N, C-alpha and C. Protein backbone atom coordinates (compact mmCIF):
# COMPACT_ATOMS: atom_id res chain seq x y z
N MET A 1 -158.34 135.98 -39.22
CA MET A 1 -158.48 134.67 -38.61
C MET A 1 -159.44 134.75 -37.42
N PRO A 2 -160.22 133.70 -37.20
CA PRO A 2 -161.13 133.74 -36.05
C PRO A 2 -160.36 133.76 -34.75
N ARG A 3 -160.93 134.44 -33.76
CA ARG A 3 -160.29 134.48 -32.45
C ARG A 3 -160.36 133.11 -31.80
N PRO A 4 -159.30 132.70 -31.11
CA PRO A 4 -159.37 131.39 -30.43
C PRO A 4 -160.48 131.40 -29.39
N ARG A 5 -161.16 130.28 -29.31
CA ARG A 5 -162.28 130.20 -28.37
C ARG A 5 -161.77 130.16 -26.94
N GLN A 6 -162.41 130.95 -26.08
CA GLN A 6 -162.11 130.88 -24.64
C GLN A 6 -162.73 129.62 -24.08
N PRO A 7 -162.06 128.97 -23.14
CA PRO A 7 -162.72 127.83 -22.49
C PRO A 7 -163.99 128.31 -21.78
N ARG A 8 -165.00 127.47 -21.82
CA ARG A 8 -166.28 127.83 -21.21
C ARG A 8 -166.08 128.04 -19.71
N LEU A 9 -166.53 129.20 -19.23
CA LEU A 9 -166.36 129.53 -17.83
C LEU A 9 -167.29 128.67 -16.97
N THR A 10 -166.74 128.05 -15.97
CA THR A 10 -167.51 127.21 -15.05
C THR A 10 -167.15 127.59 -13.62
N ARG A 11 -167.96 127.13 -12.68
CA ARG A 11 -167.66 127.36 -11.27
C ARG A 11 -166.30 126.76 -10.90
N GLN A 12 -166.02 125.56 -11.43
CA GLN A 12 -164.77 124.91 -11.07
C GLN A 12 -163.56 125.68 -11.60
N LEU A 13 -163.65 126.22 -12.81
CA LEU A 13 -162.55 127.02 -13.34
C LEU A 13 -162.32 128.25 -12.47
N ILE A 14 -163.38 128.87 -12.03
CA ILE A 14 -163.27 130.04 -11.18
C ILE A 14 -162.63 129.68 -9.84
N VAL A 15 -163.08 128.58 -9.25
CA VAL A 15 -162.53 128.14 -7.96
C VAL A 15 -161.05 127.79 -8.11
N ASP A 16 -160.69 127.10 -9.18
CA ASP A 16 -159.29 126.72 -9.39
C ASP A 16 -158.41 127.96 -9.55
N ALA A 17 -158.89 128.95 -10.31
CA ALA A 17 -158.11 130.17 -10.51
C ALA A 17 -157.99 130.96 -9.22
N ALA A 18 -159.08 131.02 -8.45
CA ALA A 18 -159.05 131.74 -7.17
C ALA A 18 -158.10 131.06 -6.19
N THR A 19 -158.11 129.73 -6.18
CA THR A 19 -157.21 128.99 -5.31
C THR A 19 -155.75 129.26 -5.67
N ALA A 20 -155.46 129.25 -6.97
CA ALA A 20 -154.09 129.50 -7.41
C ALA A 20 -153.63 130.91 -7.03
N LEU A 21 -154.54 131.88 -7.15
CA LEU A 21 -154.20 133.26 -6.81
C LEU A 21 -153.94 133.40 -5.31
N ILE A 22 -154.79 132.79 -4.50
CA ILE A 22 -154.62 132.85 -3.04
C ILE A 22 -153.34 132.12 -2.63
N ASP A 23 -153.10 130.95 -3.22
CA ASP A 23 -151.87 130.21 -2.91
C ASP A 23 -150.63 131.03 -3.21
N ALA A 24 -150.66 131.74 -4.33
CA ALA A 24 -149.47 132.47 -4.78
C ALA A 24 -149.26 133.78 -4.04
N GLU A 25 -150.37 134.50 -3.73
CA GLU A 25 -150.22 135.86 -3.23
C GLU A 25 -150.97 136.16 -1.94
N GLY A 26 -151.76 135.22 -1.44
CA GLY A 26 -152.46 135.43 -0.18
C GLY A 26 -153.88 135.93 -0.39
N LEU A 27 -154.65 135.91 0.69
CA LEU A 27 -156.05 136.32 0.64
C LEU A 27 -156.28 137.74 0.13
N PRO A 28 -155.45 138.73 0.53
CA PRO A 28 -155.70 140.09 0.07
C PRO A 28 -155.61 140.25 -1.46
N ALA A 29 -154.93 139.32 -2.12
CA ALA A 29 -154.77 139.44 -3.57
C ALA A 29 -156.04 139.10 -4.33
N LEU A 30 -156.96 138.40 -3.69
CA LEU A 30 -158.16 137.97 -4.41
C LEU A 30 -159.14 139.12 -4.58
N SER A 31 -159.44 139.44 -5.80
CA SER A 31 -160.49 140.39 -6.15
C SER A 31 -161.14 139.89 -7.42
N THR A 32 -162.36 140.33 -7.68
CA THR A 32 -163.02 139.90 -8.90
C THR A 32 -162.27 140.42 -10.13
N ARG A 33 -161.66 141.58 -10.01
CA ARG A 33 -160.91 142.12 -11.15
C ARG A 33 -159.69 141.24 -11.45
N ARG A 34 -158.91 140.89 -10.40
CA ARG A 34 -157.74 140.05 -10.61
C ARG A 34 -158.15 138.67 -11.12
N LEU A 35 -159.23 138.16 -10.58
CA LEU A 35 -159.68 136.83 -10.95
C LEU A 35 -160.15 136.81 -12.41
N ALA A 36 -160.91 137.81 -12.80
CA ALA A 36 -161.38 137.89 -14.18
C ALA A 36 -160.21 137.99 -15.15
N ALA A 37 -159.22 138.79 -14.77
CA ALA A 37 -158.04 138.94 -15.63
C ALA A 37 -157.30 137.61 -15.77
N ALA A 38 -157.17 136.87 -14.68
CA ALA A 38 -156.49 135.58 -14.73
C ALA A 38 -157.22 134.58 -15.62
N LEU A 39 -158.54 134.71 -15.67
CA LEU A 39 -159.36 133.80 -16.47
C LEU A 39 -159.56 134.30 -17.90
N GLY A 40 -159.13 135.54 -18.17
CA GLY A 40 -159.30 136.11 -19.50
C GLY A 40 -160.73 136.44 -19.83
N VAL A 41 -161.50 136.86 -18.81
CA VAL A 41 -162.91 137.21 -19.03
C VAL A 41 -163.19 138.59 -18.43
N GLN A 42 -164.37 139.09 -18.67
CA GLN A 42 -164.81 140.33 -18.05
C GLN A 42 -165.36 140.03 -16.67
N GLY A 43 -165.15 140.98 -15.74
CA GLY A 43 -165.59 140.78 -14.36
C GLY A 43 -167.04 140.36 -14.21
N PRO A 44 -167.98 141.01 -14.88
CA PRO A 44 -169.40 140.65 -14.69
C PRO A 44 -169.71 139.19 -15.00
N SER A 45 -168.91 138.54 -15.85
CA SER A 45 -169.21 137.15 -16.19
C SER A 45 -169.05 136.23 -14.98
N LEU A 46 -168.23 136.65 -13.99
CA LEU A 46 -168.09 135.84 -12.78
C LEU A 46 -169.40 135.75 -12.02
N TYR A 47 -170.20 136.81 -12.11
CA TYR A 47 -171.43 136.87 -11.33
C TYR A 47 -172.53 135.97 -11.89
N ASN A 48 -172.28 135.36 -13.04
CA ASN A 48 -173.21 134.34 -13.52
C ASN A 48 -173.07 133.06 -12.70
N HIS A 49 -171.97 132.94 -11.96
CA HIS A 49 -171.69 131.73 -11.18
C HIS A 49 -171.63 132.00 -9.68
N PHE A 50 -171.15 133.18 -9.29
CA PHE A 50 -171.05 133.53 -7.88
C PHE A 50 -171.57 134.95 -7.69
N ALA A 51 -172.42 135.15 -6.70
CA ALA A 51 -173.02 136.47 -6.50
C ALA A 51 -172.03 137.46 -5.88
N THR A 52 -171.09 136.97 -5.07
CA THR A 52 -170.17 137.86 -4.37
C THR A 52 -168.78 137.22 -4.30
N LYS A 53 -167.79 138.03 -3.95
CA LYS A 53 -166.45 137.50 -3.74
C LYS A 53 -166.44 136.53 -2.56
N ASP A 54 -167.24 136.81 -1.53
CA ASP A 54 -167.28 135.90 -0.38
C ASP A 54 -167.77 134.52 -0.77
N GLU A 55 -168.68 134.45 -1.74
CA GLU A 55 -169.13 133.14 -2.22
C GLU A 55 -168.00 132.38 -2.89
N ILE A 56 -167.14 133.11 -3.60
CA ILE A 56 -165.97 132.47 -4.21
C ILE A 56 -165.03 131.96 -3.13
N LEU A 57 -164.79 132.78 -2.11
CA LEU A 57 -163.94 132.36 -0.99
C LEU A 57 -164.50 131.13 -0.30
N ASP A 58 -165.81 131.12 -0.10
CA ASP A 58 -166.44 129.96 0.52
C ASP A 58 -166.22 128.70 -0.32
N ALA A 59 -166.32 128.84 -1.64
CA ALA A 59 -166.13 127.69 -2.52
C ALA A 59 -164.69 127.21 -2.48
N VAL A 60 -163.73 128.13 -2.44
CA VAL A 60 -162.32 127.74 -2.32
C VAL A 60 -162.09 127.01 -1.00
N ALA A 61 -162.58 127.61 0.08
CA ALA A 61 -162.40 127.01 1.40
C ALA A 61 -163.04 125.63 1.47
N ASP A 62 -164.21 125.48 0.88
CA ASP A 62 -164.90 124.20 0.95
C ASP A 62 -164.23 123.15 0.08
N THR A 63 -163.60 123.57 -1.00
CA THR A 63 -162.85 122.63 -1.82
C THR A 63 -161.66 122.08 -1.04
N VAL A 64 -160.98 122.95 -0.31
CA VAL A 64 -159.86 122.50 0.52
C VAL A 64 -160.35 121.53 1.60
N THR A 65 -161.43 121.89 2.28
CA THR A 65 -161.98 121.02 3.33
C THR A 65 -162.46 119.70 2.75
N GLY A 66 -162.98 119.73 1.54
CA GLY A 66 -163.49 118.52 0.92
C GLY A 66 -162.44 117.45 0.69
N ALA A 67 -161.16 117.83 0.74
CA ALA A 67 -160.08 116.86 0.56
C ALA A 67 -159.75 116.11 1.85
N VAL A 68 -160.36 116.50 2.96
CA VAL A 68 -160.05 115.89 4.26
C VAL A 68 -160.82 114.58 4.41
N ASP A 69 -160.13 113.55 4.85
CA ASP A 69 -160.72 112.22 5.01
C ASP A 69 -161.30 112.06 6.42
N THR A 70 -162.59 111.82 6.49
CA THR A 70 -163.24 111.58 7.79
C THR A 70 -163.83 110.16 7.86
N SER A 71 -163.40 109.28 6.96
CA SER A 71 -164.02 107.96 6.87
C SER A 71 -163.81 107.12 8.13
N GLY A 72 -162.78 107.43 8.91
CA GLY A 72 -162.52 106.64 10.12
C GLY A 72 -163.60 106.75 11.18
N PHE A 73 -164.42 107.77 11.10
CA PHE A 73 -165.42 107.98 12.15
C PHE A 73 -166.65 107.09 11.98
N THR A 74 -166.60 106.16 11.02
CA THR A 74 -167.74 105.24 10.88
C THR A 74 -167.67 104.11 11.90
N GLY A 75 -166.50 103.86 12.50
CA GLY A 75 -166.37 102.80 13.50
C GLY A 75 -166.33 103.37 14.91
N ARG A 76 -165.89 102.54 15.86
CA ARG A 76 -165.84 102.97 17.25
C ARG A 76 -164.42 103.27 17.72
N ASP A 77 -163.45 103.17 16.83
CA ASP A 77 -162.07 103.50 17.19
C ASP A 77 -161.91 105.02 17.09
N TRP A 78 -162.42 105.70 18.10
CA TRP A 78 -162.45 107.16 18.05
C TRP A 78 -161.03 107.75 18.05
N ALA A 79 -160.10 107.11 18.78
CA ALA A 79 -158.74 107.64 18.84
C ALA A 79 -158.04 107.50 17.49
N GLY A 80 -158.17 106.34 16.87
CA GLY A 80 -157.59 106.16 15.55
C GLY A 80 -158.22 107.08 14.52
N ALA A 81 -159.54 107.29 14.63
CA ALA A 81 -160.23 108.18 13.70
C ALA A 81 -159.74 109.62 13.86
N LEU A 82 -159.56 110.04 15.11
CA LEU A 82 -159.05 111.39 15.34
C LEU A 82 -157.64 111.55 14.79
N ARG A 83 -156.80 110.53 14.97
CA ARG A 83 -155.43 110.60 14.46
C ARG A 83 -155.43 110.72 12.93
N ASP A 84 -156.18 109.84 12.28
CA ASP A 84 -156.21 109.86 10.81
C ASP A 84 -156.79 111.17 10.28
N TRP A 85 -157.85 111.64 10.94
CA TRP A 85 -158.48 112.90 10.52
C TRP A 85 -157.51 114.06 10.69
N ALA A 86 -156.82 114.11 11.83
CA ALA A 86 -155.91 115.22 12.09
C ALA A 86 -154.80 115.29 11.04
N TRP A 87 -154.22 114.14 10.68
CA TRP A 87 -153.16 114.14 9.67
C TRP A 87 -153.70 114.51 8.30
N SER A 88 -154.87 113.99 7.95
CA SER A 88 -155.47 114.32 6.66
C SER A 88 -155.82 115.80 6.59
N TYR A 89 -156.35 116.33 7.67
CA TYR A 89 -156.71 117.74 7.77
C TYR A 89 -155.46 118.61 7.63
N ARG A 90 -154.39 118.22 8.31
CA ARG A 90 -153.15 118.99 8.22
C ARG A 90 -152.60 118.99 6.80
N ARG A 91 -152.63 117.83 6.13
CA ARG A 91 -152.14 117.79 4.75
C ARG A 91 -152.93 118.72 3.85
N ALA A 92 -154.25 118.75 4.02
CA ALA A 92 -155.09 119.62 3.20
C ALA A 92 -154.76 121.09 3.45
N LEU A 93 -154.57 121.47 4.71
CA LEU A 93 -154.32 122.87 5.04
C LEU A 93 -152.89 123.30 4.68
N THR A 94 -151.92 122.44 4.90
CA THR A 94 -150.55 122.84 4.56
C THR A 94 -150.34 122.95 3.06
N ALA A 95 -151.22 122.31 2.27
CA ALA A 95 -151.15 122.48 0.82
C ALA A 95 -151.66 123.86 0.39
N HIS A 96 -152.48 124.48 1.25
CA HIS A 96 -153.07 125.80 0.94
C HIS A 96 -153.09 126.67 2.19
N PRO A 97 -151.91 126.99 2.74
CA PRO A 97 -151.89 127.69 4.04
C PRO A 97 -152.51 129.07 4.02
N ASN A 98 -152.54 129.74 2.87
CA ASN A 98 -153.07 131.10 2.84
C ASN A 98 -154.58 131.17 3.05
N ILE A 99 -155.27 130.05 2.87
CA ILE A 99 -156.72 130.05 3.08
C ILE A 99 -157.07 129.74 4.54
N VAL A 100 -156.08 129.32 5.34
CA VAL A 100 -156.36 128.90 6.72
C VAL A 100 -157.04 129.99 7.55
N PRO A 101 -156.60 131.27 7.49
CA PRO A 101 -157.31 132.28 8.29
C PRO A 101 -158.80 132.38 7.95
N TYR A 102 -159.15 132.17 6.70
CA TYR A 102 -160.56 132.22 6.33
C TYR A 102 -161.29 130.98 6.86
N LEU A 103 -160.65 129.83 6.77
CA LEU A 103 -161.25 128.61 7.31
C LEU A 103 -161.47 128.71 8.81
N ALA A 104 -160.58 129.43 9.49
CA ALA A 104 -160.65 129.53 10.94
C ALA A 104 -161.90 130.25 11.43
N GLN A 105 -162.58 130.94 10.53
CA GLN A 105 -163.80 131.65 10.93
C GLN A 105 -164.96 130.70 11.20
N GLY A 106 -164.83 129.43 10.80
CA GLY A 106 -165.88 128.47 11.07
C GLY A 106 -166.51 127.94 9.79
N PRO A 107 -167.35 126.92 9.91
CA PRO A 107 -167.90 126.29 8.71
C PRO A 107 -168.97 127.12 8.01
N GLY A 108 -169.64 128.02 8.75
CA GLY A 108 -170.70 128.81 8.11
C GLY A 108 -171.74 127.92 7.46
N ARG A 109 -171.98 128.15 6.16
CA ARG A 109 -172.93 127.33 5.40
C ARG A 109 -172.22 126.41 4.41
N ARG A 110 -170.92 126.24 4.56
CA ARG A 110 -170.17 125.48 3.57
C ARG A 110 -170.45 123.99 3.73
N PRO A 111 -170.93 123.32 2.67
CA PRO A 111 -171.35 121.92 2.80
C PRO A 111 -170.25 120.97 3.25
N ALA A 112 -169.05 121.06 2.65
CA ALA A 112 -167.98 120.13 3.03
C ALA A 112 -167.54 120.35 4.47
N ALA A 113 -167.49 121.61 4.90
CA ALA A 113 -167.09 121.90 6.28
C ALA A 113 -168.13 121.39 7.26
N LEU A 114 -169.40 121.55 6.94
CA LEU A 114 -170.46 121.05 7.81
C LEU A 114 -170.48 119.53 7.83
N ALA A 115 -170.21 118.90 6.68
CA ALA A 115 -170.16 117.44 6.64
C ALA A 115 -169.01 116.92 7.49
N MET A 116 -167.87 117.62 7.46
CA MET A 116 -166.73 117.21 8.28
C MET A 116 -167.09 117.34 9.76
N ALA A 117 -167.68 118.46 10.16
CA ALA A 117 -168.06 118.65 11.56
C ALA A 117 -169.06 117.58 12.00
N ASP A 118 -169.99 117.27 11.12
CA ASP A 118 -171.01 116.26 11.44
C ASP A 118 -170.37 114.89 11.62
N ALA A 119 -169.42 114.54 10.74
CA ALA A 119 -168.76 113.23 10.84
C ALA A 119 -167.96 113.10 12.12
N VAL A 120 -167.20 114.15 12.47
CA VAL A 120 -166.37 114.10 13.67
C VAL A 120 -167.24 114.03 14.92
N TYR A 121 -168.18 114.95 15.02
CA TYR A 121 -169.05 114.98 16.20
C TYR A 121 -169.85 113.69 16.32
N GLY A 122 -170.45 113.24 15.21
CA GLY A 122 -171.25 112.02 15.24
C GLY A 122 -170.43 110.81 15.63
N GLY A 123 -169.21 110.71 15.09
CA GLY A 123 -168.36 109.58 15.42
C GLY A 123 -167.98 109.55 16.88
N LEU A 124 -167.68 110.72 17.44
CA LEU A 124 -167.30 110.77 18.86
C LEU A 124 -168.47 110.42 19.78
N VAL A 125 -169.66 110.92 19.45
CA VAL A 125 -170.83 110.62 20.27
C VAL A 125 -171.17 109.13 20.18
N ARG A 126 -171.10 108.55 18.98
CA ARG A 126 -171.37 107.12 18.85
C ARG A 126 -170.37 106.29 19.65
N ALA A 127 -169.15 106.79 19.79
CA ALA A 127 -168.13 106.06 20.55
C ALA A 127 -168.31 106.21 22.06
N GLY A 128 -169.28 107.01 22.49
CA GLY A 128 -169.58 107.12 23.91
C GLY A 128 -169.25 108.45 24.55
N TRP A 129 -168.59 109.34 23.81
CA TRP A 129 -168.29 110.66 24.40
C TRP A 129 -169.57 111.45 24.61
N PRO A 130 -169.70 112.13 25.76
CA PRO A 130 -170.85 113.02 25.96
C PRO A 130 -170.86 114.10 24.88
N PRO A 131 -172.04 114.54 24.44
CA PRO A 131 -172.12 115.53 23.35
C PRO A 131 -171.28 116.79 23.59
N ALA A 132 -171.32 117.32 24.80
CA ALA A 132 -170.55 118.54 25.06
C ALA A 132 -169.05 118.28 24.92
N ARG A 133 -168.61 117.11 25.40
CA ARG A 133 -167.19 116.79 25.30
C ARG A 133 -166.79 116.53 23.85
N ALA A 134 -167.68 115.93 23.09
CA ALA A 134 -167.39 115.70 21.67
C ALA A 134 -167.19 117.03 20.95
N THR A 135 -167.98 118.03 21.31
CA THR A 135 -167.81 119.36 20.73
C THR A 135 -166.45 119.94 21.10
N HIS A 136 -166.06 119.80 22.37
CA HIS A 136 -164.77 120.32 22.82
C HIS A 136 -163.62 119.64 22.08
N ILE A 137 -163.72 118.32 21.91
CA ILE A 137 -162.65 117.57 21.27
C ILE A 137 -162.49 117.99 19.81
N GLY A 138 -163.60 118.07 19.11
CA GLY A 138 -163.54 118.50 17.71
C GLY A 138 -162.94 119.88 17.58
N ALA A 139 -163.33 120.79 18.47
CA ALA A 139 -162.79 122.16 18.42
C ALA A 139 -161.31 122.17 18.76
N ALA A 140 -160.90 121.41 19.78
CA ALA A 140 -159.50 121.39 20.19
C ALA A 140 -158.60 120.87 19.06
N LEU A 141 -159.01 119.79 18.41
CA LEU A 141 -158.21 119.26 17.30
C LEU A 141 -158.17 120.25 16.14
N ARG A 142 -159.28 120.91 15.91
CA ARG A 142 -159.32 121.89 14.82
C ARG A 142 -158.36 123.05 15.09
N TYR A 143 -158.34 123.54 16.34
CA TYR A 143 -157.40 124.61 16.70
C TYR A 143 -155.96 124.14 16.50
N PHE A 144 -155.69 122.92 16.95
CA PHE A 144 -154.33 122.39 16.87
C PHE A 144 -153.88 122.24 15.42
N VAL A 145 -154.74 121.68 14.58
CA VAL A 145 -154.37 121.46 13.18
C VAL A 145 -154.21 122.80 12.45
N ALA A 146 -155.16 123.70 12.63
CA ALA A 146 -155.09 124.98 11.94
C ALA A 146 -153.84 125.75 12.35
N GLY A 147 -153.52 125.74 13.64
CA GLY A 147 -152.33 126.44 14.10
C GLY A 147 -151.07 125.86 13.49
N SER A 148 -151.02 124.54 13.34
CA SER A 148 -149.83 123.90 12.79
C SER A 148 -149.65 124.23 11.31
N ALA A 149 -150.75 124.56 10.64
CA ALA A 149 -150.69 124.82 9.20
C ALA A 149 -150.41 126.28 8.86
N LEU A 150 -150.46 127.15 9.85
CA LEU A 150 -150.30 128.59 9.57
C LEU A 150 -148.87 128.97 9.23
N GLY A 151 -147.92 128.20 9.68
CA GLY A 151 -146.53 128.54 9.39
C GLY A 151 -145.61 127.43 9.82
N SER A 152 -144.34 127.58 9.49
CA SER A 152 -143.35 126.58 9.84
C SER A 152 -142.47 127.09 10.97
N PHE A 153 -142.43 126.36 12.07
CA PHE A 153 -141.52 126.71 13.16
C PHE A 153 -140.08 126.67 12.68
N ALA A 154 -139.74 125.62 11.95
CA ALA A 154 -138.35 125.43 11.52
C ALA A 154 -137.88 126.56 10.61
N ARG A 155 -138.76 127.05 9.76
CA ARG A 155 -138.37 128.11 8.82
C ARG A 155 -138.39 129.49 9.47
N GLY A 156 -138.70 129.55 10.73
CA GLY A 156 -138.70 130.84 11.42
C GLY A 156 -137.33 131.28 11.89
N PHE A 157 -136.31 130.46 11.67
CA PHE A 157 -134.94 130.78 12.09
C PHE A 157 -134.08 131.03 10.85
N VAL A 158 -133.26 132.06 10.91
CA VAL A 158 -132.43 132.40 9.75
C VAL A 158 -131.17 131.53 9.73
N GLU A 159 -130.61 131.35 8.55
CA GLU A 159 -129.41 130.52 8.40
C GLU A 159 -128.16 131.36 8.62
N ASP A 160 -128.00 131.83 9.85
CA ASP A 160 -126.87 132.68 10.20
C ASP A 160 -126.31 132.21 11.54
N PRO A 161 -125.34 131.29 11.51
CA PRO A 161 -124.84 130.73 12.77
C PRO A 161 -124.24 131.77 13.71
N GLU A 162 -123.68 132.84 13.16
CA GLU A 162 -123.06 133.85 14.02
C GLU A 162 -124.09 134.59 14.86
N LEU A 163 -125.28 134.77 14.32
CA LEU A 163 -126.33 135.45 15.08
C LEU A 163 -126.61 134.72 16.38
N TYR A 164 -126.75 133.42 16.31
CA TYR A 164 -127.09 132.64 17.49
C TYR A 164 -125.89 132.42 18.40
N ALA A 165 -124.74 132.15 17.81
CA ALA A 165 -123.54 131.89 18.62
C ALA A 165 -123.15 133.08 19.48
N ALA A 166 -123.36 134.28 18.95
CA ALA A 166 -122.93 135.49 19.65
C ALA A 166 -123.84 135.85 20.82
N HIS A 167 -125.15 135.60 20.68
CA HIS A 167 -126.09 136.12 21.67
C HIS A 167 -127.00 135.08 22.31
N TYR A 168 -127.17 133.91 21.67
CA TYR A 168 -128.16 132.94 22.16
C TYR A 168 -127.49 131.57 22.26
N PRO A 169 -126.76 131.34 23.34
CA PRO A 169 -125.94 130.12 23.44
C PRO A 169 -126.72 128.82 23.36
N HIS A 170 -128.00 128.84 23.74
CA HIS A 170 -128.78 127.61 23.68
C HIS A 170 -129.36 127.36 22.29
N LEU A 171 -129.14 128.28 21.37
CA LEU A 171 -129.67 128.14 20.01
C LEU A 171 -128.54 128.00 18.99
N ARG A 172 -127.43 127.43 19.40
CA ARG A 172 -126.26 127.36 18.51
C ARG A 172 -126.53 126.57 17.23
N GLN A 173 -127.49 125.65 17.27
CA GLN A 173 -127.81 124.85 16.08
C GLN A 173 -129.08 125.32 15.37
N ALA A 174 -129.62 126.44 15.81
CA ALA A 174 -130.90 126.89 15.26
C ALA A 174 -130.81 127.21 13.77
N HIS A 175 -129.63 127.60 13.31
CA HIS A 175 -129.48 127.94 11.89
C HIS A 175 -129.68 126.73 10.99
N ARG A 176 -129.66 125.54 11.56
CA ARG A 176 -129.82 124.33 10.76
C ARG A 176 -131.27 123.84 10.71
N LEU A 177 -132.15 124.46 11.46
CA LEU A 177 -133.52 123.98 11.51
C LEU A 177 -134.20 124.00 10.14
N ALA A 178 -133.95 125.04 9.36
CA ALA A 178 -134.60 125.15 8.06
C ALA A 178 -134.24 123.98 7.14
N GLU A 179 -133.03 123.42 7.31
CA GLU A 179 -132.61 122.27 6.50
C GLU A 179 -133.50 121.06 6.78
N HIS A 180 -134.05 121.01 7.97
CA HIS A 180 -134.82 119.84 8.40
C HIS A 180 -136.27 120.22 8.66
N GLN A 181 -136.76 121.15 7.86
CA GLN A 181 -138.08 121.73 8.11
C GLN A 181 -139.19 120.67 8.21
N GLN A 182 -139.23 119.74 7.26
CA GLN A 182 -140.32 118.76 7.28
C GLN A 182 -140.27 117.88 8.51
N SER A 183 -139.09 117.36 8.84
CA SER A 183 -139.00 116.46 9.99
C SER A 183 -139.27 117.20 11.30
N VAL A 184 -138.83 118.46 11.40
CA VAL A 184 -139.09 119.23 12.61
C VAL A 184 -140.57 119.52 12.76
N ASP A 185 -141.18 120.04 11.71
CA ASP A 185 -142.58 120.44 11.81
C ASP A 185 -143.51 119.24 11.96
N GLU A 186 -143.25 118.18 11.20
CA GLU A 186 -144.10 116.99 11.32
C GLU A 186 -143.84 116.28 12.64
N GLY A 187 -142.59 116.29 13.10
CA GLY A 187 -142.30 115.68 14.40
C GLY A 187 -143.00 116.41 15.54
N ALA A 188 -143.02 117.72 15.47
CA ALA A 188 -143.71 118.50 16.49
C ALA A 188 -145.22 118.23 16.46
N PHE A 189 -145.77 118.14 15.26
CA PHE A 189 -147.20 117.85 15.14
C PHE A 189 -147.52 116.47 15.70
N ALA A 190 -146.69 115.48 15.35
CA ALA A 190 -146.92 114.12 15.84
C ALA A 190 -146.84 114.06 17.37
N LEU A 191 -145.87 114.77 17.94
CA LEU A 191 -145.72 114.79 19.40
C LEU A 191 -146.94 115.41 20.05
N GLY A 192 -147.38 116.56 19.54
CA GLY A 192 -148.54 117.22 20.12
C GLY A 192 -149.80 116.38 19.98
N LEU A 193 -149.96 115.74 18.81
CA LEU A 193 -151.14 114.91 18.60
C LEU A 193 -151.14 113.71 19.53
N ASP A 194 -149.97 113.07 19.70
CA ASP A 194 -149.87 111.96 20.65
C ASP A 194 -150.27 112.40 22.06
N ALA A 195 -149.78 113.56 22.47
CA ALA A 195 -150.09 114.05 23.81
C ALA A 195 -151.58 114.30 23.97
N LEU A 196 -152.20 114.89 22.97
CA LEU A 196 -153.64 115.13 23.02
C LEU A 196 -154.42 113.81 23.11
N LEU A 197 -154.04 112.85 22.27
CA LEU A 197 -154.78 111.59 22.25
C LEU A 197 -154.58 110.79 23.52
N HIS A 198 -153.39 110.80 24.08
CA HIS A 198 -153.17 110.10 25.35
C HIS A 198 -153.97 110.74 26.47
N GLY A 199 -154.02 112.06 26.49
CA GLY A 199 -154.83 112.73 27.50
C GLY A 199 -156.30 112.42 27.34
N LEU A 200 -156.78 112.39 26.10
CA LEU A 200 -158.18 112.05 25.85
C LEU A 200 -158.47 110.60 26.21
N ALA A 201 -157.53 109.70 25.92
CA ALA A 201 -157.73 108.30 26.27
C ALA A 201 -157.86 108.13 27.78
N ALA A 202 -157.07 108.87 28.53
CA ALA A 202 -157.17 108.79 29.99
C ALA A 202 -158.50 109.31 30.47
N GLU A 203 -158.98 110.40 29.88
CA GLU A 203 -160.29 110.94 30.27
C GLU A 203 -161.41 109.98 29.88
N TYR A 204 -161.30 109.39 28.71
CA TYR A 204 -162.33 108.44 28.26
C TYR A 204 -162.42 107.26 29.22
N ALA A 205 -161.27 106.69 29.58
CA ALA A 205 -161.26 105.56 30.49
C ALA A 205 -161.83 105.93 31.85
N ARG A 206 -161.61 107.17 32.26
CA ARG A 206 -162.07 107.63 33.57
C ARG A 206 -163.56 107.94 33.58
N THR A 207 -164.08 108.44 32.47
CA THR A 207 -165.46 108.94 32.48
C THR A 207 -166.44 108.11 31.66
N VAL A 208 -165.93 107.34 30.69
CA VAL A 208 -166.82 106.58 29.81
C VAL A 208 -166.65 105.08 30.00
N GLY A 209 -165.41 104.61 29.92
CA GLY A 209 -165.15 103.19 30.07
C GLY A 209 -163.80 102.84 29.44
N PRO A 210 -163.47 101.55 29.39
CA PRO A 210 -162.18 101.16 28.81
C PRO A 210 -162.08 101.60 27.34
N VAL A 211 -160.90 102.04 26.96
CA VAL A 211 -160.66 102.40 25.56
C VAL A 211 -160.62 101.11 24.75
N GLU A 212 -161.43 101.04 23.68
CA GLU A 212 -161.60 99.79 22.96
C GLU A 212 -160.43 99.47 22.05
N SER A 213 -159.69 100.47 21.56
CA SER A 213 -158.64 100.22 20.58
C SER A 213 -157.27 100.42 21.20
N GLY A 214 -156.29 99.70 20.63
CA GLY A 214 -154.91 99.89 21.06
C GLY A 214 -154.31 101.20 20.60
N ARG A 215 -154.86 101.83 19.56
CA ARG A 215 -154.42 103.15 19.17
C ARG A 215 -155.00 104.09 20.21
N PRO A 216 -154.40 104.99 20.88
CA PRO A 216 -153.79 106.14 20.28
C PRO A 216 -152.28 106.22 20.33
N SER A 217 -151.58 105.19 20.58
CA SER A 217 -150.15 105.34 20.83
C SER A 217 -149.29 105.03 19.60
N GLY A 218 -149.88 104.98 18.40
CA GLY A 218 -149.12 104.50 17.27
C GLY A 218 -148.04 105.35 16.83
């Protein structure tokens, strides 16, 4: 009987398989050998699409970044745009937390990452922020979002009430945090984002002019 045809190897198939491998086992698990095996092909065939493993990593990272919505930066509501971007960015990163350390190295030559940086910086400058401050704001939000996606605070506590009751009297309910992981982690992110935006709104009013939108307090 004829052998079943392999699906035609494409860049997207390679990126999808690499993403799945990184999601499941982390960045160290990615190798051309593992990736070729997952795709059912020989290793050299990958090089018809990507010259190096780093190019594959760049493509995975840029696919994740490409899911981030920056459309809010087309208007002058810079605070609302930052809020929407931060939440969209967090959703993209928390869906693929194992790629975050690679993303943290910077945009490099990745098109989606550069387009995101351009949209954020351009939107802030158009809204009146000085260029240097716009750079600081974009970097600060990026640090905040990436840090929030690296792990779960709530899941960092074990479900052992005796551990806390015996030695840490102020943590008597800590064993329950994992049960409420989403509300704890998202609540902490929302609180931090509100604090950042309120501080920026005060600086904007002091150095640029009245804040045009009722957001950032939503």
